[in-house]
C-alpha atoms as a PDB file:
ATOM      1  CA  MET A   1      75.724 115.739 107.790  1.00  0.00           C
ATOM      2  CA  ASN A   2      77.616 118.608 106.090  1.00  0.00           C
ATOM      3  CA  LEU A   3      76.101 122.060 105.462  1.00  0.00           C
ATOM      4  CA  ALA A   4      75.088 121.313 101.727  1.00  0.00           C
ATOM      5  CA  GLN A   5      73.304 118.224 102.808  1.00  0.00           C
ATOM      6  CA  ARG A   6      71.471 119.970 105.712  1.00  0.00           C
ATOM      7  CA  LEU A   7      70.443 122.806 103.428  1.00  0.00           C
ATOM      8  CA  GLY A   8      69.173 120.294 100.985  1.00  0.00           C
ATOM      9  CA  ARG A   9      67.056 118.678 103.747  1.00  0.00           C
ATOM     10  CA  ILE A  10      65.693 121.937 104.810  1.00  0.00           C
ATOM     11  CA  ALA A  11      64.718 122.596 101.218  1.00  0.00           C
ATOM     12  CA  ALA A  12      63.032 119.389 101.156  1.00  0.00           C
ATOM     13  CA  VAL A  13      61.001 120.019 104.180  1.00  0.00           C
ATOM     14  CA  ALA A  14      60.129 123.516 103.030  1.00  0.00           C
ATOM     15  CA  ALA A  15      58.925 121.870  99.618  1.00  0.00           C
ATOM     16  CA  VAL A  16      56.622 119.577 101.511  1.00  0.00           C
ATOM     17  CA  SER A  17      55.396 122.446 103.787  1.00  0.00           C
ATOM     18  CA  ALA A  18      54.398 124.278 100.683  1.00  0.00           C
ATOM     19  CA  VAL A  19      52.452 121.466  99.416  1.00  0.00           C
ATOM     20  CA  ALA A  20      50.688 121.028 102.726  1.00  0.00           C
ATOM     21  CA  PHE A  21      49.713 124.706 102.828  1.00  0.00           C
ATOM     22  CA  SER A  22      48.179 124.587  99.358  1.00  0.00           C
ATOM     23  CA  PHE A  23      45.247 122.810 101.023  1.00  0.00           C
ATOM     24  CA  THR A  24      42.200 124.740 102.192  1.00  0.00           C
ATOM     25  CA  ALA A  25      41.708 125.774 105.824  1.00  0.00           C
ATOM     26  CA  GLU A  26      39.331 122.944 106.185  1.00  0.00           C
ATOM     27  CA  ALA A  27      41.809 120.183 105.280  1.00  0.00           C
ATOM     28  CA  ARG A  28      45.272 120.016 106.377  1.00  0.00           C
ATOM     29  CA  GLU A  29      47.891 117.354 105.311  1.00  0.00           C
ATOM     30  CA  LEU A  30      50.169 116.519 108.196  1.00  0.00           C
ATOM     31  CA  ARG A  31      53.907 115.679 107.422  1.00  0.00           C
ATOM     32  CA  GLY A  32      55.159 112.500 109.234  1.00  0.00           C
ATOM     33  CA  TRP A  33      58.966 111.697 109.479  1.00  0.00           C
ATOM     34  CA  ASN A  34      60.046 108.005 109.849  1.00  0.00           C
ATOM     35  CA  LEU A  35      63.286 106.436 109.743  1.00  0.00           C
ATOM     36  CA  HIS A  36      62.233 102.832 108.823  1.00  0.00           C
ATOM     37  CA  VAL A  37      61.344 101.150 105.632  1.00  0.00           C
ATOM     38  CA  PRO A  38      57.553 101.084 104.682  1.00  0.00           C
ATOM     39  CA  ASP A  39      56.600  97.573 105.869  1.00  0.00           C
ATOM     40  CA  TYR A  40      58.299  97.873 109.253  1.00  0.00           C
ATOM     41  CA  PRO A  41      55.674  97.512 112.219  1.00  0.00           C
ATOM     42  CA  GLY A  42      56.183 101.200 113.191  1.00  0.00           C
ATOM     43  CA  SER A  43      55.851 102.335 109.710  1.00  0.00           C
ATOM     44  CA  ILE A  44      52.734 100.470 109.186  1.00  0.00           C
ATOM     45  CA  ALA A  45      51.346 101.849 112.429  1.00  0.00           C
ATOM     46  CA  MET A  46      52.249 105.307 111.542  1.00  0.00           C
ATOM     47  CA  GLU A  47      50.344 105.031 108.208  1.00  0.00           C
ATOM     48  CA  LYS A  48      47.346 103.697 110.354  1.00  0.00           C
ATOM     49  CA  PHE A  49      47.511 106.749 112.576  1.00  0.00           C
ATOM     50  CA  GLY A  50      47.213 109.097 109.541  1.00  0.00           C
ATOM     51  CA  GLU A  51      44.258 107.054 108.228  1.00  0.00           C
ATOM     52  CA  LEU A  52      42.500 106.864 111.408  1.00  0.00           C
ATOM     53  CA  LEU A  53      42.992 110.666 111.658  1.00  0.00           C
ATOM     54  CA  ALA A  54      41.375 111.348 108.436  1.00  0.00           C
ATOM     55  CA  GLU A  55      38.426 109.038 109.018  1.00  0.00           C
ATOM     56  CA  ARG A  56      37.729 110.538 112.665  1.00  0.00           C
ATOM     57  CA  THR A  57      38.162 114.070 111.546  1.00  0.00           C
ATOM     58  CA  GLU A  58      36.258 113.546 108.314  1.00  0.00           C
ATOM     59  CA  GLY A  59      39.174 114.646 106.183  1.00  0.00           C
ATOM     60  CA  ARG A  60      39.927 117.754 108.174  1.00  0.00           C
ATOM     61  CA  TYR A  61      43.392 116.369 108.968  1.00  0.00           C
ATOM     62  CA  THR A  62      45.185 113.737 106.974  1.00  0.00           C
ATOM     63  CA  GLY A  63      48.719 112.284 107.476  1.00  0.00           C
ATOM     64  CA  SER A  64      51.444 111.616 104.929  1.00  0.00           C
ATOM     65  CA  VAL A  65      54.403 109.576 106.176  1.00  0.00           C
ATOM     66  CA  PHE A  66      57.804 109.869 104.657  1.00  0.00           C
ATOM     67  CA  HIS A  67      59.739 106.757 105.317  1.00  0.00           C
ATOM     68  CA  ASN A  68      63.359 105.797 105.056  1.00  0.00           C
ATOM     69  CA  GLY A  69      64.408 109.252 106.664  1.00  0.00           C
ATOM     70  CA  GLN A  70      63.547 111.186 103.402  1.00  0.00           C
ATOM     71  CA  LEU A  71      63.174 114.238 105.580  1.00  0.00           C
ATOM     72  CA  GLY A  72      66.608 113.855 107.197  1.00  0.00           C
ATOM     73  CA  ASP A  73      68.282 111.751 109.758  1.00  0.00           C
ATOM     74  CA  GLN A  74      66.716 111.491 113.277  1.00  0.00           C
ATOM     75  CA  ARG A  75      68.662 114.189 115.072  1.00  0.00           C
ATOM     76  CA  PHE A  76      67.853 116.607 111.959  1.00  0.00           C
ATOM     77  CA  ALA A  77      64.148 115.752 112.313  1.00  0.00           C
ATOM     78  CA  ILE A  78      63.936 116.320 116.050  1.00  0.00           C
ATOM     79  CA  GLU A  79      65.541 119.664 115.398  1.00  0.00           C
ATOM     80  CA  GLN A  80      62.837 120.220 112.555  1.00  0.00           C
ATOM     81  CA  PHE A  81      60.161 120.221 115.301  1.00  0.00           C
ATOM     82  CA  ALA A  82      61.377 123.581 116.683  1.00  0.00           C
ATOM     83  CA  LEU A  83      60.821 125.073 113.231  1.00  0.00           C
ATOM     84  CA  ASP A  84      57.282 123.485 112.634  1.00  0.00           C
ATOM     85  CA  GLY A  85      58.932 121.813 109.673  1.00  0.00           C
ATOM     86  CA  ILE A  86      57.415 118.256 110.698  1.00  0.00           C
ATOM     87  CA  ASP A  87      54.150 117.520 112.280  1.00  0.00           C
ATOM     88  CA  PHE A  88      54.494 114.167 113.557  1.00  0.00           C
ATOM     89  CA  ALA A  89      57.087 111.460 113.802  1.00  0.00           C
ATOM     90  CA  VAL A  90      58.244 108.292 115.836  1.00  0.00           C
ATOM     91  CA  PHE A  91      61.355 108.703 117.696  1.00  0.00           C
ATOM     92  CA  SER A  92      63.498 106.481 119.881  1.00  0.00           C
ATOM     93  CA  GLY A  93      63.235 107.394 123.479  1.00  0.00           C
ATOM     94  CA  GLY A  94      66.926 107.143 123.766  1.00  0.00           C
ATOM     95  CA  SER A  95      67.433 109.768 120.757  1.00  0.00           C
ATOM     96  CA  LEU A  96      64.920 112.077 122.621  1.00  0.00           C
ATOM     97  CA  GLY A  97      67.171 111.950 125.827  1.00  0.00           C
ATOM     98  CA  ASP A  98      69.731 113.836 123.979  1.00  0.00           C
ATOM     99  CA  PHE A  99      67.294 116.720 123.869  1.00  0.00           C
ATOM    100  CA  ALA A 100      65.186 116.348 126.989  1.00  0.00           C
ATOM    101  CA  SER A 101      67.193 114.746 129.806  1.00  0.00           C
ATOM    102  CA  PRO A 102      64.215 113.054 131.485  1.00  0.00           C
ATOM    103  CA  LEU A 103      63.868 110.722 128.396  1.00  0.00           C
ATOM    104  CA  LYS A 104      67.437 109.306 129.100  1.00  0.00           C
ATOM    105  CA  ILE A 105      65.648 107.153 131.867  1.00  0.00           C
ATOM    106  CA  VAL A 106      63.968 104.971 129.269  1.00  0.00           C
ATOM    107  CA  SER A 107      67.065 103.812 127.643  1.00  0.00           C
ATOM    108  CA  MET A 108      68.808 102.864 130.891  1.00  0.00           C
ATOM    109  CA  PRO A 109      69.617  99.099 130.983  1.00  0.00           C
ATOM    110  CA  TYR A 110      67.150  96.744 132.804  1.00  0.00           C
ATOM    111  CA  ILE A 111      65.092  99.818 133.595  1.00  0.00           C
ATOM    112  CA  PHE A 112      61.969  97.805 132.565  1.00  0.00           C
ATOM    113  CA  ARG A 113      61.409  94.216 134.080  1.00  0.00           C
ATOM    114  CA  SER A 114      59.270  93.294 131.029  1.00  0.00           C
ATOM    115  CA  ALA A 115      57.416  94.611 127.958  1.00  0.00           C
ATOM    116  CA  GLU A 116      54.300  94.642 130.205  1.00  0.00           C
ATOM    117  CA  HIS A 117      56.028  96.684 132.735  1.00  0.00           C
ATOM    118  CA  MET A 118      57.198  99.166 130.002  1.00  0.00           C
ATOM    119  CA  TYR A 119      53.758  99.557 128.754  1.00  0.00           C
ATOM    120  CA  ALA A 120      52.390 100.049 132.221  1.00  0.00           C
ATOM    121  CA  VAL A 121      54.925 102.792 132.823  1.00  0.00           C
ATOM    122  CA  VAL A 122      54.649 104.716 129.305  1.00  0.00           C
ATOM    123  CA  ASP A 123      50.933 104.439 129.049  1.00  0.00           C
ATOM    124  CA  GLY A 124      50.438 105.936 132.657  1.00  0.00           C
ATOM    125  CA  GLU A 125      51.350 109.002 134.569  1.00  0.00           C
ATOM    126  CA  ILE A 126      55.144 108.481 133.905  1.00  0.00           C
ATOM    127  CA  GLY A 127      54.490 108.737 130.143  1.00  0.00           C
ATOM    128  CA  ASP A 128      52.796 112.023 130.607  1.00  0.00           C
ATOM    129  CA  ARG A 129      55.611 113.475 132.618  1.00  0.00           C
ATOM    130  CA  LEU A 130      58.094 112.287 129.722  1.00  0.00           C
ATOM    131  CA  SER A 131      55.680 113.940 127.264  1.00  0.00           C
ATOM    132  CA  ASP A 132      55.856 117.173 129.373  1.00  0.00           C
ATOM    133  CA  ALA A 133      59.645 117.258 129.215  1.00  0.00           C
ATOM    134  CA  LEU A 134      59.504 117.543 125.395  1.00  0.00           C
ATOM    135  CA  ALA A 135      57.448 120.721 125.462  1.00  0.00           C
ATOM    136  CA  ASP A 136      60.593 122.890 125.192  1.00  0.00           C
ATOM    137  CA  HIS A 137      61.310 121.081 121.868  1.00  0.00           C
ATOM    138  CA  ASN A 138      57.760 121.655 120.508  1.00  0.00           C
ATOM    139  CA  MET A 139      56.672 118.131 120.971  1.00  0.00           C
ATOM    140  CA  VAL A 140      54.102 116.259 122.586  1.00  0.00           C
ATOM    141  CA  ALA A 141      53.918 112.393 122.957  1.00  0.00           C
ATOM    142  CA  LEU A 142      50.728 110.986 122.279  1.00  0.00           C
ATOM    143  CA  ALA A 143      51.470 107.388 122.455  1.00  0.00           C
ATOM    144  CA  TRP A 144      54.424 104.876 122.663  1.00  0.00           C
ATOM    145  CA  TYR A 145      55.493 102.037 120.351  1.00  0.00           C
ATOM    146  CA  THR A 146      57.876  99.167 121.027  1.00  0.00           C
ATOM    147  CA  GLY A 147      61.288  98.612 119.713  1.00  0.00           C
ATOM    148  CA  GLY A 148      61.492  95.196 121.448  1.00  0.00           C
ATOM    149  CA  ALA A 149      64.352  93.877 123.660  1.00  0.00           C
ATOM    150  CA  ARG A 150      67.930  93.865 122.694  1.00  0.00           C
ATOM    151  CA  SER A 151      69.937  90.760 123.490  1.00  0.00           C
ATOM    152  CA  PHE A 152      73.511  89.336 122.880  1.00  0.00           C
ATOM    153  CA  TYR A 153      74.342  87.119 119.802  1.00  0.00           C
ATOM    154  CA  THR A 154      77.655  85.583 119.606  1.00  0.00           C
ATOM    155  CA  VAL A 155      79.721  83.359 117.520  1.00  0.00           C
ATOM    156  CA  GLY A 156      81.795  81.015 119.691  1.00  0.00           C
ATOM    157  CA  LYS A 157      79.486  80.326 122.771  1.00  0.00           C
ATOM    158  CA  PRO A 158      76.356  81.303 124.441  1.00  0.00           C
ATOM    159  CA  VAL A 159      76.061  83.942 127.153  1.00  0.00           C
ATOM    160  CA  ASN A 160      74.500  82.660 130.409  1.00  0.00           C
ATOM    161  CA  SER A 161      76.216  85.092 132.850  1.00  0.00           C
ATOM    162  CA  PRO A 162      78.402  88.182 132.652  1.00  0.00           C
ATOM    163  CA  ALA A 163      81.372  85.866 133.173  1.00  0.00           C
ATOM    164  CA  ASP A 164      80.755  84.475 129.640  1.00  0.00           C
ATOM    165  CA  LEU A 165      81.197  87.966 128.192  1.00  0.00           C
ATOM    166  CA  GLU A 166      84.480  88.552 129.819  1.00  0.00           C
ATOM    167  CA  GLY A 167      86.943  89.866 127.240  1.00  0.00           C
ATOM    168  CA  LEU A 168      84.714  89.401 124.222  1.00  0.00           C
ATOM    169  CA  LYS A 169      84.596  91.990 121.463  1.00  0.00           C
ATOM    170  CA  ILE A 170      80.807  92.993 121.164  1.00  0.00           C
ATOM    171  CA  ARG A 171      79.736  95.310 118.479  1.00  0.00           C
ATOM    172  CA  VAL A 172      77.630  98.317 119.818  1.00  0.00           C
ATOM    173  CA  PRO A 173      76.067 101.569 118.403  1.00  0.00           C
ATOM    174  CA  ASP A 174      78.434 104.448 119.040  1.00  0.00           C
ATOM    175  CA  ALA A 175      76.511 105.786 121.971  1.00  0.00           C
ATOM    176  CA  GLU A 176      77.349 106.128 125.659  1.00  0.00           C
ATOM    177  CA  ILE A 177      74.660 103.975 127.154  1.00  0.00           C
ATOM    178  CA  PHE A 178      75.610 100.964 124.846  1.00  0.00           C
ATOM    179  CA  VAL A 179      79.445 101.282 125.582  1.00  0.00           C
ATOM    180  CA  SER A 180      78.773 101.705 129.251  1.00  0.00           C
ATOM    181  CA  THR A 181      76.386  98.663 129.575  1.00  0.00           C
ATOM    182  CA  VAL A 182      78.542  96.236 127.565  1.00  0.00           C
ATOM    183  CA  GLU A 183      81.756  97.429 129.350  1.00  0.00           C
ATOM    184  CA  ALA A 184      80.021  96.846 132.717  1.00  0.00           C
ATOM    185  CA  LEU A 185      79.409  93.243 131.745  1.00  0.00           C
ATOM    186  CA  GLY A 186      83.058  92.898 131.228  1.00  0.00           C
ATOM    187  CA  ALA A 187      83.061  92.755 127.516  1.00  0.00           C
ATOM    188  CA  ASN A 188      85.107  95.037 125.282  1.00  0.00           C
ATOM    189  CA  ALA A 189      82.369  97.402 123.656  1.00  0.00           C
ATOM    190  CA  THR A 190      83.317  97.969 119.811  1.00  0.00           C
ATOM    191  CA  PRO A 191      81.454 100.743 118.119  1.00  0.00           C
ATOM    192  CA  LEU A 192      80.989  99.702 114.610  1.00  0.00           C
ATOM    193  CA  ALA A 193      78.702 100.682 111.628  1.00  0.00           C
ATOM    194  CA  PHE A 194      75.673  98.412 111.391  1.00  0.00           C
ATOM    195  CA  GLY A 195      76.411  97.674 107.788  1.00  0.00           C
ATOM    196  CA  GLU A 196      79.757  96.327 108.764  1.00  0.00           C
ATOM    197  CA  VAL A 197      78.526  93.840 111.378  1.00  0.00           C
ATOM    198  CA  TYR A 198      78.079  90.689 109.327  1.00  0.00           C
ATOM    199  CA  THR A 199      81.698  90.750 107.917  1.00  0.00           C
ATOM    200  CA  ALA A 200      83.111  91.739 111.250  1.00  0.00           C
ATOM    201  CA  LEU A 201      81.334  88.505 112.847  1.00  0.00           C
ATOM    202  CA  GLN A 202      82.594  86.309 109.749  1.00  0.00           C
ATOM    203  CA  THR A 203      86.171  87.354 109.949  1.00  0.00           C
ATOM    204  CA  GLY A 204      86.617  87.430 113.785  1.00  0.00           C
ATOM    205  CA  VAL A 205      86.868  91.209 114.130  1.00  0.00           C
ATOM    206  CA  ILE A 206      84.192  90.945 116.676  1.00  0.00           C
ATOM    207  CA  ASP A 207      82.993  88.121 118.845  1.00  0.00           C
ATOM    208  CA  GLY A 208      79.286  89.016 118.734  1.00  0.00           C
ATOM    209  CA  ALA A 209      76.705  91.997 118.737  1.00  0.00           C
ATOM    210  CA  GLU A 210      73.383  92.781 120.347  1.00  0.00           C
ATOM    211  CA  ASN A 211      70.010  93.718 118.949  1.00  0.00           C
ATOM    212  CA  ASN A 212      66.386  92.539 118.853  1.00  0.00           C
ATOM    213  CA  ALA A 213      65.174  89.370 117.280  1.00  0.00           C
ATOM    214  CA  PRO A 214      63.894  91.073 113.954  1.00  0.00           C
ATOM    215  CA  SER A 215      67.240  92.842 113.440  1.00  0.00           C
ATOM    216  CA  PHE A 216      69.261  89.661 114.149  1.00  0.00           C
ATOM    217  CA  GLU A 217      67.280  87.836 111.675  1.00  0.00           C
ATOM    218  CA  SER A 218      66.713  90.420 108.831  1.00  0.00           C
ATOM    219  CA  THR A 219      70.263  91.247 108.695  1.00  0.00           C
ATOM    220  CA  ARG A 220      71.111  87.450 108.323  1.00  0.00           C
ATOM    221  CA  HIS A 221      73.661  87.895 111.096  1.00  0.00           C
ATOM    222  CA  TYR A 222      72.450  84.436 112.346  1.00  0.00           C
ATOM    223  CA  GLU A 223      74.411  82.968 109.559  1.00  0.00           C
ATOM    224  CA  VAL A 224      77.627  83.552 111.337  1.00  0.00           C
ATOM    225  CA  ALA A 225      76.438  83.804 114.968  1.00  0.00           C
ATOM    226  CA  LYS A 226      74.754  80.757 116.083  1.00  0.00           C
ATOM    227  CA  PHE A 227      73.936  81.732 119.748  1.00  0.00           C
ATOM    228  CA  TYR A 228      71.387  84.146 120.796  1.00  0.00           C
ATOM    229  CA  SER A 229      71.210  84.773 124.597  1.00  0.00           C
ATOM    230  CA  LEU A 230      68.087  86.641 125.780  1.00  0.00           C
ATOM    231  CA  ASP A 231      69.456  88.688 128.522  1.00  0.00           C
ATOM    232  CA  GLU A 232      67.160  91.649 127.311  1.00  0.00           C
ATOM    233  CA  HIS A 233      69.489  94.228 128.500  1.00  0.00           C
ATOM    234  CA  LEU A 234      67.799  97.092 126.671  1.00  0.00           C
ATOM    235  CA  MET A 235      64.180  97.718 126.033  1.00  0.00           C
ATOM    236  CA  VAL A 236      63.587 101.348 124.770  1.00  0.00           C
ATOM    237  CA  PRO A 237      60.069 102.592 124.024  1.00  0.00           C
ATOM    238  CA  GLU A 238      59.517 104.843 120.834  1.00  0.00           C
ATOM    239  CA  ALA A 239      57.399 107.951 121.216  1.00  0.00           C
ATOM    240  CA  LEU A 240      54.639 108.863 118.549  1.00  0.00           C
ATOM    241  CA  VAL A 241      54.961 112.653 118.856  1.00  0.00           C
ATOM    242  CA  VAL A 242      53.203 115.544 117.285  1.00  0.00           C
ATOM    243  CA  SER A 243      54.119 119.121 116.886  1.00  0.00           C
ATOM    244  CA  LYS A 244      53.139 121.107 120.172  1.00  0.00           C
ATOM    245  CA  THR A 245      52.297 124.153 117.856  1.00  0.00           C
ATOM    246  CA  LEU A 246      49.739 121.819 115.989  1.00  0.00           C
ATOM    247  CA  TRP A 247      48.607 120.302 119.297  1.00  0.00           C
ATOM    248  CA  ASP A 248      47.931 123.802 120.927  1.00  0.00           C
ATOM    249  CA  SER A 249      45.963 124.881 117.792  1.00  0.00           C
ATOM    250  CA  LEU A 250      43.483 121.977 118.135  1.00  0.00           C
ATOM    251  CA  SER A 251      40.299 122.064 119.794  1.00  0.00           C
ATOM    252  CA  ALA A 252      39.581 119.866 122.821  1.00  0.00           C
ATOM    253  CA  GLU A 253      37.488 117.639 120.581  1.00  0.00           C
ATOM    254  CA  ASP A 254      40.224 117.235 118.138  1.00  0.00           C
ATOM    255  CA  GLN A 255      42.877 116.700 120.780  1.00  0.00           C
ATOM    256  CA  ASP A 256      40.927 113.726 122.028  1.00  0.00           C
ATOM    257  CA  ILE A 257      40.717 112.405 118.460  1.00  0.00           C
ATOM    258  CA  PHE A 258      44.480 112.639 117.994  1.00  0.00           C
ATOM    259  CA  ARG A 259      45.315 110.953 121.297  1.00  0.00           C
ATOM    260  CA  THR A 260      42.804 108.105 120.705  1.00  0.00           C
ATOM    261  CA  VAL A 261      43.952 107.354 117.220  1.00  0.00           C
ATOM    262  CA  ALA A 262      47.601 107.512 118.287  1.00  0.00           C
ATOM    263  CA  ARG A 263      46.890 105.027 121.020  1.00  0.00           C
ATOM    264  CA  GLU A 264      45.044 102.778 118.776  1.00  0.00           C
ATOM    265  CA  SER A 265      48.013 102.878 116.295  1.00  0.00           C
ATOM    266  CA  ALA A 266      50.428 102.099 119.227  1.00  0.00           C
ATOM    267  CA  GLU A 267      48.243  98.916 120.058  1.00  0.00           C
ATOM    268  CA  HIS A 268      48.357  97.985 116.295  1.00  0.00           C
ATOM    269  CA  GLN A 269      52.159  98.347 116.296  1.00  0.00           C
ATOM    270  CA  ARG A 270      52.761  96.395 119.513  1.00  0.00           C
ATOM    271  CA  GLN A 271      50.603  93.450 117.877  1.00  0.00           C
ATOM    272  CA  LEU A 272      52.577  93.674 114.616  1.00  0.00           C
ATOM    273  CA  TRP A 273      55.840  93.824 116.529  1.00  0.00           C
ATOM    274  CA  ALA A 274      54.961  90.725 118.421  1.00  0.00           C
ATOM    275  CA  GLU A 275      54.047  88.763 115.174  1.00  0.00           C
ATOM    276  CA  ARG A 276      57.355  89.970 113.515  1.00  0.00           C
ATOM    277  CA  GLU A 277      59.250  88.684 116.556  1.00  0.00           C
ATOM    278  CA  GLU A 278      57.389  85.265 116.186  1.00  0.00           C
ATOM    279  CA  LYS A 279      58.206  85.113 112.591  1.00  0.00           C
ATOM    280  CA  SER A 280      61.968  86.029 113.377  1.00  0.00           C
ATOM    281  CA  ASN A 281      62.178  83.431 116.045  1.00  0.00           C
ATOM    282  CA  ALA A 282      60.822  80.671 113.789  1.00  0.00           C
ATOM    283  CA  ILE A 283      63.357  81.612 110.996  1.00  0.00           C
ATOM    284  CA  LEU A 284      66.276  81.396 113.599  1.00  0.00           C
ATOM    285  CA  ALA A 285      65.003  78.002 114.922  1.00  0.00           C
ATOM    286  CA  GLU A 286      64.838  76.669 111.343  1.00  0.00           C
ATOM    287  CA  ALA A 287      68.422  77.932 110.665  1.00  0.00           C
ATOM    288  CA  GLY A 288      69.704  76.118 113.896  1.00  0.00           C
ATOM    289  CA  VAL A 289      70.356  79.122 116.167  1.00  0.00           C
ATOM    290  CA  LYS A 290      70.642  78.228 119.637  1.00  0.00           C
ATOM    291  CA  VAL A 291      68.446  80.586 121.596  1.00  0.00           C
ATOM    292  CA  ASN A 292      68.782  80.394 125.234  1.00  0.00           C
ATOM    293  CA  ALA A 293      66.414  82.151 127.723  1.00  0.00           C
ATOM    294  CA  ILE A 294      68.441  83.456 130.591  1.00  0.00           C
ATOM    295  CA  GLU A 295      66.429  82.478 133.666  1.00  0.00           C
ATOM    296  CA  ASP A 296      68.403  84.428 136.319  1.00  0.00           C
ATOM    297  CA  LYS A 297      69.280  88.072 135.126  1.00  0.00           C
ATOM    298  CA  GLN A 298      70.014  89.094 138.562  1.00  0.00           C
ATOM    299  CA  PRO A 299      73.838  89.124 138.098  1.00  0.00           C
ATOM    300  CA  PHE A 300      73.465  91.174 134.753  1.00  0.00           C
ATOM    301  CA  ILE A 301      71.389  93.620 136.702  1.00  0.00           C
ATOM    302  CA  ASP A 302      73.631  93.744 139.520  1.00  0.00           C
ATOM    303  CA  ALA A 303      76.559  94.562 137.188  1.00  0.00           C
ATOM    304  CA  MET A 304      74.755  97.838 136.176  1.00  0.00           C
ATOM    305  CA  GLY A 305      75.467  99.649 139.382  1.00  0.00           C
ATOM    306  CA  PRO A 306      78.212 101.804 137.883  1.00  0.00           C
ATOM    307  CA  VAL A 307      76.352 102.556 134.744  1.00  0.00           C
ATOM    308  CA  TYR A 308      73.399 103.976 136.794  1.00  0.00           C
ATOM    309  CA  GLU A 309      75.878 105.738 139.280  1.00  0.00           C
ATOM    310  CA  LYS A 310      77.244 107.477 136.113  1.00  0.00           C
ATOM    311  CA  LEU A 311      74.079 108.323 134.123  1.00  0.00           C
ATOM    312  CA  VAL A 312      71.484 108.808 136.599  1.00  0.00           C
ATOM    313  CA  ASP A 313      72.941 111.881 137.778  1.00  0.00           C
ATOM    314  CA  THR A 314      70.167 114.320 138.695  1.00  0.00           C
ATOM    315  CA  ASP A 315      67.460 114.480 141.343  1.00  0.00           C
ATOM    316  CA  GLU A 316      64.785 114.351 138.506  1.00  0.00           C
ATOM    317  CA  LEU A 317      66.163 111.170 137.007  1.00  0.00           C
ATOM    318  CA  ARG A 318      66.645 109.508 140.381  1.00  0.00           C
ATOM    319  CA  THR A 319      62.984 110.187 141.125  1.00  0.00           C
ATOM    320  CA  LEU A 320      61.858 108.945 137.797  1.00  0.00           C
ATOM    321  CA  LEU A 321      63.842 105.811 138.375  1.00  0.00           C
ATOM    322  CA  THR A 322      62.251 105.218 141.730  1.00  0.00           C
ATOM    323  CA  ASP A 323      58.681 105.828 140.185  1.00  0.00           C
ATOM    324  CA  ILE A 324      59.369 103.484 137.386  1.00  0.00           C
ATOM    325  CA  GLN A 325      60.493 100.710 139.784  1.00  0.00           C
ATOM    326  CA  ALA A 326      57.353 101.164 141.773  1.00  0.00           C
ATOM    327  CA  VAL A 327      55.022 100.477 138.866  1.00  0.00           C
ATOM    328  CA  GLU A 328      53.540  97.192 138.992  1.00  0.00           C
END
């Protein structure tokens, strides 16, 4: 984002802030940032958070969600928390790791054994520790959403073992964890803009990509990549955060309300995500996509040794890793 664009975003946030402060002291409208379209599971859950907040506080706090990154891209929005420009948001745990290093641990490959394991981790004491790590960036994580599990989809053949990825050109986002994970499995990581993936699959520029089922389905990548292999290498939670400045200004009673409705919104989001996955899987099946559940993921997990050695590089991260693995 260039300087003019950033100044424009700041002006937009300031304008929204001015509107919020026009309300009386008894009623405050909170500004919510969201990357996704309004009908995305996380977007619907954020709206529910705002609605429940208004209901439980009898209108003293309300929430307005600005979808589609209207208030800036994700990095810009995270930075805005330090300036109290945004009151609440849902951010990928991986993106937060660029600002608070303990959050890097939740974006490691195969860190979670299942969705249930992930929920047990983030809903418990470790989730509180991750929230504490965000304090220096003026954030408190009240609840955790799911972004599903990312798996490989390919054009020419299914993936059942790391050997099947050897030499394949696999599209990844331009981020170290994605590149390192795919290369550790023997593939050639190919960073590429998301909007270019369909054509790249169609023309043979890449042999495959990786993502969750709703993304694979909604982009219609399944029209050109007919094999979807459920290795589930990444399962990154998303944090519903509020401004620490706001949090510290709340009474103990209101803090309880905020946390309760945040967790209720997370339960709603997880249910919506499960329904969305089920719908996507039905569309994939009808389209003739060959979905294979990989029964033995251990060879994939074993290949991640160099990734962990490289990226889990502090005592704090190593302790978090051990504690996450110990959660049942």
